[in-house]
Amino acid sequence: MTLWNGSFPFYPGANVCFPFDTTRAVIISVFLSILATFIIILPGIRGRERLFRFLRVVMGLFVGAVVLTIQFSRDWETGRVTANTSYKSFSRALVNVDIGLHIGLAGVNVTLVGNPVNQVNETINYNEHFAWSFDADYDHSYGEGLEKGLPSPILYVVEKFTTQSPCGVHRQYRISGHYASFTLWMAFCTWLISILLFSMPILLYGGYMLLLTAALMLFSLLFFFTARNTPKCPIQFGPASLKTDYGGSFWLTLTTGLLCLLLGLGVIILNSKQPEKLKLVFNLDEGEGEEEKVWDNSYLPAEPSSSAWDVLMVPLGELCEVTATQL
C-alpha cells in the first residue's frame, strides 16, 4: 500500500480538516478597510452631506462585498442530519455523528462531527471539499478520498454527486453553478460601472446600472433554482434522511438583488419626478449633474451694431459705381 501524506490509507491516521477559507476573509477585510478609511475622513465633511455620503458609501460597499463574496461561498444549499452510522469501511463500529452537506457554485462540502467528538479512539471532525468547476475533476477528487480512507458517511454523500451516480445531478449542478457564477461576475462589473457613474455624476445612467446589477443577481438565482429542483436520490442514514434547503448565500443574494432593484428604481423615479431631491441626496448644486453644456456669452461674437446691419442691407443697385484711374 502507498503512503498518503504520511499516513496509511484505510487505517487510523491524521485527520485532514478543511483549511480556513482565506478568500472570504480577504474580501471582507478589503471592504472593511475601505469603510474604516472613509469613517476616518468622515468628520471632515460638514452638514447633512456627511449623512448622505456615509449612507451611499455603506450601500455601495455592501453590494460590492456581497456580489464578490457569494462567488466563493459554499452555502447556497445546505442540509444537516444526526444519525448512528458506520464510521469506516470493513468495520462494524457505529458512531453518532452530525453530517452536514453544503453545496456551492463550484463544488460540494461535506462535514462530519462526532457526538462527542472523540469516539472509537479517534477525533471525528472532518470538513472536506470536492470541486466540480470546469477546471476541476470531481470524480478524481472522489477517488482521492477513497485512497485517503475518508469516513464512510462522507464518501456515501459525495458519491451521490459523481458523474457515474444514477442520481444524475452532477451535470445539472455543474452547469447551473457555472452560469450563475458568470452572471454574478457580470453583476460585479455593472456595480463598478454604477459607482463610477454616480461619482461623475451621471445619476440616471447610474440608476440603470443598478437595475442591471439587480437583474443579473436575480438571474443567477434562477440558474441555481433549476439545479435545486432536479430530482435527487435520497440520502439515507438508517431511519434518518439528509435533506437540503436554500442556504444563507441564496437568501443574501436575493435580498441584495431586491435592494439594488429598489435603489435603481428610486434613482430613476426621483430623476424624472423630483430631480431636486435626488441632487440633495447626492449633494449636488443646482448647476451640477446637467448633461447639456451652457455656453458662456463671452465666447460668442459681439453683436454687430445697427449701422453695420444697415450697410449690409443696402441693395446692390443703389451702391455707387467706383472707377479706378491709373496712376
Foldseek 3Di string as FASTA:
>chain_A
DDDDPNDAALDDDDADADDDPVVLVVLVVVLVVVLVVCVVCLVVDDDPLSVLVNVVSVLLSVLLSLLVNLLPDFAQKKWKDWFWFAWFPPDPDTFTWIWMWTHGLFWIKIWIAGPPQQDPNDGRTYIDTATDEPVHQRVVVLVVCNRNGGTPLVNLVSLQQHCPHPFNLVVLSHVLSVQLSVLSVVLSVLSVVLVVCVVVPQQLVSLVSLLSSLVSLVVSLVSNVVSVPRDGDWSDRDPDTIDMDGGDSSVVSNVSSVVSNVVSVVSNVCVVPPVVVVCVSSVHDPPPNDPDDDDDPVPDDDDDDPVVVVVVPDDPVPDDDDDDDDD
